[in-house]
Amino acid sequence: MPALPKGMKPRYVHVIDAVWHINEPNGQDTGTARVGDASAFLGVTTPSITKLVGEMADLGLVVKHADATDRRAVTLTLAERGLDIRRIYVEEYHAHLSQLLGGLTSDQCETTVRTLTEALRLMQQDANNR
């Protein structure tokens, strides 16, 4: 993956991708993503996403929109810069990985998935036993 621009946190890319996926069914011009939706999508706490979204709005990555039905609620869309970041760090990176790993056989992919799934199960079991 190319180096992130100065001041860009890797977590911003995750939030950008979450907002993009949440908004996708209605198009990227319609802000249906809420901070709580992004936190649920990413499996992290809402306060941590709230702080990131504020930083990202200041950097011109996302745009916050007041919700017409609930003045306390905010919906999010990606600013042009946020869309560019997603294209470079998600779409192009995944395309590169697809090309790079495209020669793997189905058996190799299935073995990898089984191995990673078992490793995750063991790590979760260990965490639960602590």
C-alpha atoms as a PDB file:
ATOM      1  CA  MET A   1       0.000   0.000   0.000  1.00  0.00           C
ATOM      2  CA  PRO A   2       1.336   3.456  -0.765  1.00  0.00           C
ATOM      3  CA  ALA A   3       2.295   5.622   2.199  1.00  0.00           C
ATOM      4  CA  LEU A   4      -0.557   7.624   3.663  1.00  0.00           C
ATOM      5  CA  PRO A   5      -0.467  11.406   3.248  1.00  0.00           C
ATOM      6  CA  LYS A   6       0.961  13.378   6.164  1.00  0.00           C
ATOM      7  CA  GLY A   7      -1.532  13.611   9.013  1.00  0.00           C
ATOM      8  CA  MET A   8      -3.629  10.730   7.689  1.00  0.00           C
ATOM      9  CA  LYS A   9      -4.288   7.978  10.220  1.00  0.00           C
ATOM     10  CA  PRO A  10      -4.903   4.413   8.997  1.00  0.00           C
ATOM     11  CA  ARG A  11      -8.119   4.441  11.034  1.00  0.00           C
ATOM     12  CA  TYR A  12      -9.449   7.225   8.800  1.00  0.00           C
ATOM     13  CA  VAL A  13      -9.328   4.830   5.844  1.00  0.00           C
ATOM     14  CA  HIS A  14     -11.433   2.318   7.778  1.00  0.00           C
ATOM     15  CA  VAL A  15     -14.030   4.966   8.647  1.00  0.00           C
ATOM     16  CA  ILE A  16     -14.073   6.221   5.048  1.00  0.00           C
ATOM     17  CA  ASP A  17     -14.711   2.690   3.805  1.00  0.00           C
ATOM     18  CA  ALA A  18     -17.469   2.157   6.384  1.00  0.00           C
ATOM     19  CA  VAL A  19     -19.232   5.404   5.415  1.00  0.00           C
ATOM     20  CA  TRP A  20     -18.930   4.472   1.728  1.00  0.00           C
ATOM     21  CA  HIS A  21     -20.484   1.021   2.311  1.00  0.00           C
ATOM     22  CA  ILE A  22     -23.302   2.374   4.471  1.00  0.00           C
ATOM     23  CA  ASN A  23     -24.172   5.090   1.937  1.00  0.00           C
ATOM     24  CA  GLU A  24     -23.748   2.865  -1.143  1.00  0.00           C
ATOM     25  CA  PRO A  25     -27.374   1.585  -1.386  1.00  0.00           C
ATOM     26  CA  ASN A  26     -28.628   5.185  -1.707  1.00  0.00           C
ATOM     27  CA  GLY A  27     -25.643   6.601  -3.574  1.00  0.00           C
ATOM     28  CA  GLN A  28     -22.686   8.539  -2.248  1.00  0.00           C
ATOM     29  CA  ASP A  29     -24.470  11.901  -2.461  1.00  0.00           C
ATOM     30  CA  THR A  30     -27.118  10.874   0.076  1.00  0.00           C
ATOM     31  CA  GLY A  31     -25.869  10.778   3.638  1.00  0.00           C
ATOM     32  CA  THR A  32     -27.556   7.882   5.374  1.00  0.00           C
ATOM     33  CA  ALA A  33     -24.491   6.884   7.432  1.00  0.00           C
ATOM     34  CA  ARG A  34     -24.585   7.953  11.053  1.00  0.00           C
ATOM     35  CA  VAL A  35     -21.687   7.788  13.461  1.00  0.00           C
ATOM     36  CA  GLY A  36     -23.359   4.896  15.280  1.00  0.00           C
ATOM     37  CA  ASP A  37     -23.725   3.023  11.987  1.00  0.00           C
ATOM     38  CA  ALA A  38     -20.024   3.436  11.259  1.00  0.00           C
ATOM     39  CA  SER A  39     -19.054   2.272  14.749  1.00  0.00           C
ATOM     40  CA  ALA A  40     -21.291  -0.812  14.405  1.00  0.00           C
ATOM     41  CA  PHE A  41     -19.903  -1.531  10.931  1.00  0.00           C
ATOM     42  CA  LEU A  42     -16.357  -1.431  12.318  1.00  0.00           C
ATOM     43  CA  GLY A  43     -17.153  -3.098  15.635  1.00  0.00           C
ATOM     44  CA  VAL A  44     -15.761  -0.245  17.742  1.00  0.00           C
ATOM     45  CA  THR A  45     -17.239   2.174  20.261  1.00  0.00           C
ATOM     46  CA  THR A  46     -19.249   5.161  19.105  1.00  0.00           C
ATOM     47  CA  PRO A  47     -17.181   7.708  21.097  1.00  0.00           C
ATOM     48  CA  SER A  48     -13.992   6.654  19.313  1.00  0.00           C
ATOM     49  CA  ILE A  49     -15.652   7.079  15.911  1.00  0.00           C
ATOM     50  CA  THR A  50     -17.187  10.403  16.948  1.00  0.00           C
ATOM     51  CA  LYS A  51     -13.714  11.784  17.682  1.00  0.00           C
ATOM     52  CA  LEU A  52     -12.312  10.446  14.407  1.00  0.00           C
ATOM     53  CA  VAL A  53     -15.217  11.870  12.390  1.00  0.00           C
ATOM     54  CA  GLY A  54     -14.598  15.303  13.897  1.00  0.00           C
ATOM     55  CA  GLU A  55     -10.924  15.122  12.918  1.00  0.00           C
ATOM     56  CA  MET A  56     -11.845  13.847   9.462  1.00  0.00           C
ATOM     57  CA  ALA A  57     -14.334  16.660   8.896  1.00  0.00           C
ATOM     58  CA  ASP A  58     -11.628  19.161   9.815  1.00  0.00           C
ATOM     59  CA  LEU A  59      -9.334  17.519   7.221  1.00  0.00           C
ATOM     60  CA  GLY A  60     -11.990  17.675   4.495  1.00  0.00           C
ATOM     61  CA  LEU A  61     -12.474  13.893   4.293  1.00  0.00           C
ATOM     62  CA  VAL A  62     -16.111  13.691   5.373  1.00  0.00           C
ATOM     63  CA  VAL A  63     -19.019  16.098   5.424  1.00  0.00           C
ATOM     64  CA  LYS A  64     -21.394  16.170   8.373  1.00  0.00           C
ATOM     65  CA  HIS A  65     -25.046  16.909   7.629  1.00  0.00           C
ATOM     66  CA  ALA A  66     -27.666  17.874  10.201  1.00  0.00           C
ATOM     67  CA  ASP A  67     -30.532  15.382  10.191  1.00  0.00           C
ATOM     68  CA  ALA A  68     -33.812  17.082   9.318  1.00  0.00           C
ATOM     69  CA  THR A  69     -35.843  14.832  11.630  1.00  0.00           C
ATOM     70  CA  ASP A  70     -33.485  14.776  14.634  1.00  0.00           C
ATOM     71  CA  ARG A  71     -31.422  17.889  15.291  1.00  0.00           C
ATOM     72  CA  ARG A  72     -29.007  15.934  17.503  1.00  0.00           C
ATOM     73  CA  ALA A  73     -28.282  13.385  14.783  1.00  0.00           C
ATOM     74  CA  VAL A  74     -25.714  13.817  12.040  1.00  0.00           C
ATOM     75  CA  THR A  75     -25.383  11.935   8.780  1.00  0.00           C
ATOM     76  CA  LEU A  76     -22.127  11.598   6.882  1.00  0.00           C
ATOM     77  CA  THR A  77     -21.031  11.703   3.278  1.00  0.00           C
ATOM     78  CA  LEU A  78     -17.549  11.496   1.877  1.00  0.00           C
ATOM     79  CA  ALA A  79     -15.971  14.671   0.609  1.00  0.00           C
ATOM     80  CA  GLU A  80     -14.138  14.491  -2.715  1.00  0.00           C
ATOM     81  CA  ARG A  81     -10.864  13.994  -0.851  1.00  0.00           C
ATOM     82  CA  GLY A  82     -12.414  11.102   1.122  1.00  0.00           C
ATOM     83  CA  LEU A  83     -13.572   9.461  -2.102  1.00  0.00           C
ATOM     84  CA  ASP A  84     -10.048   9.842  -3.523  1.00  0.00           C
ATOM     85  CA  ILE A  85      -8.540   8.262  -0.405  1.00  0.00           C
ATOM     86  CA  ARG A  86     -10.944   5.320  -0.700  1.00  0.00           C
ATOM     87  CA  ARG A  87     -10.110   4.845  -4.365  1.00  0.00           C
ATOM     88  CA  ILE A  88      -6.364   4.781  -3.705  1.00  0.00           C
ATOM     89  CA  TYR A  89      -6.194   2.934  -0.404  1.00  0.00           C
ATOM     90  CA  VAL A  90      -9.118   0.522  -0.777  1.00  0.00           C
ATOM     91  CA  GLU A  91     -10.089  -0.030  -4.417  1.00  0.00           C
ATOM     92  CA  GLU A  92      -6.639   0.158  -6.000  1.00  0.00           C
ATOM     93  CA  TYR A  93      -5.007  -1.732  -3.128  1.00  0.00           C
ATOM     94  CA  HIS A  94      -7.571  -4.551  -3.349  1.00  0.00           C
ATOM     95  CA  ALA A  95      -7.132  -4.689  -7.121  1.00  0.00           C
ATOM     96  CA  HIS A  96      -3.367  -5.001  -6.616  1.00  0.00           C
ATOM     97  CA  LEU A  97      -3.837  -7.800  -4.069  1.00  0.00           C
ATOM     98  CA  SER A  98      -6.259  -9.571  -6.387  1.00  0.00           C
ATOM     99  CA  GLN A  99      -3.716  -9.487  -9.182  1.00  0.00           C
ATOM    100  CA  LEU A 100      -0.883 -10.504  -6.862  1.00  0.00           C
ATOM    101  CA  LEU A 101      -2.777 -13.410  -5.291  1.00  0.00           C
ATOM    102  CA  GLY A 102      -4.766 -14.387  -8.386  1.00  0.00           C
ATOM    103  CA  GLY A 103      -2.490 -17.360  -9.048  1.00  0.00           C
ATOM    104  CA  LEU A 104      -3.426 -19.141  -5.833  1.00  0.00           C
ATOM    105  CA  THR A 105      -5.475 -22.283  -6.333  1.00  0.00           C
ATOM    106  CA  SER A 106      -8.858 -22.839  -4.687  1.00  0.00           C
ATOM    107  CA  ASP A 107      -7.260 -25.456  -2.431  1.00  0.00           C
ATOM    108  CA  GLN A 108      -4.596 -22.992  -1.294  1.00  0.00           C
ATOM    109  CA  CYS A 109      -7.245 -20.362  -0.535  1.00  0.00           C
ATOM    110  CA  GLU A 110      -9.414 -22.833   1.383  1.00  0.00           C
ATOM    111  CA  THR A 111      -6.416 -24.036   3.415  1.00  0.00           C
ATOM    112  CA  THR A 112      -5.511 -20.449   4.259  1.00  0.00           C
ATOM    113  CA  VAL A 113      -9.069 -19.661   5.376  1.00  0.00           C
ATOM    114  CA  ARG A 114      -9.213 -22.781   7.547  1.00  0.00           C
ATOM    115  CA  THR A 115      -5.841 -21.995   9.113  1.00  0.00           C
ATOM    116  CA  LEU A 116      -6.690 -18.362   9.836  1.00  0.00           C
ATOM    117  CA  THR A 117     -10.120 -19.304  11.206  1.00  0.00           C
ATOM    118  CA  GLU A 118      -8.554 -21.829  13.579  1.00  0.00           C
ATOM    119  CA  ALA A 119      -5.855 -19.346  14.648  1.00  0.00           C
ATOM    120  CA  LEU A 120      -8.560 -16.758  15.420  1.00  0.00           C
ATOM    121  CA  ARG A 121     -10.576 -19.327  17.391  1.00  0.00           C
ATOM    122  CA  LEU A 122      -7.517 -20.220  19.472  1.00  0.00           C
ATOM    123  CA  MET A 123      -6.699 -16.554  20.164  1.00  0.00           C
ATOM    124  CA  GLN A 124     -10.316 -15.845  21.202  1.00  0.00           C
ATOM    125  CA  GLN A 125     -10.330 -18.911  23.427  1.00  0.00           C
ATOM    126  CA  ASP A 126      -7.092 -17.763  25.049  1.00  0.00           C
ATOM    127  CA  ALA A 127      -8.498 -14.276  25.608  1.00  0.00           C
ATOM    128  CA  ASN A 128     -11.638 -15.731  27.200  1.00  0.00           C
ATOM    129  CA  ASN A 129      -9.558 -17.914  29.523  1.00  0.00           C
ATOM    130  CA  ARG A 130      -7.547 -14.970  30.874  1.00  0.00           C
END
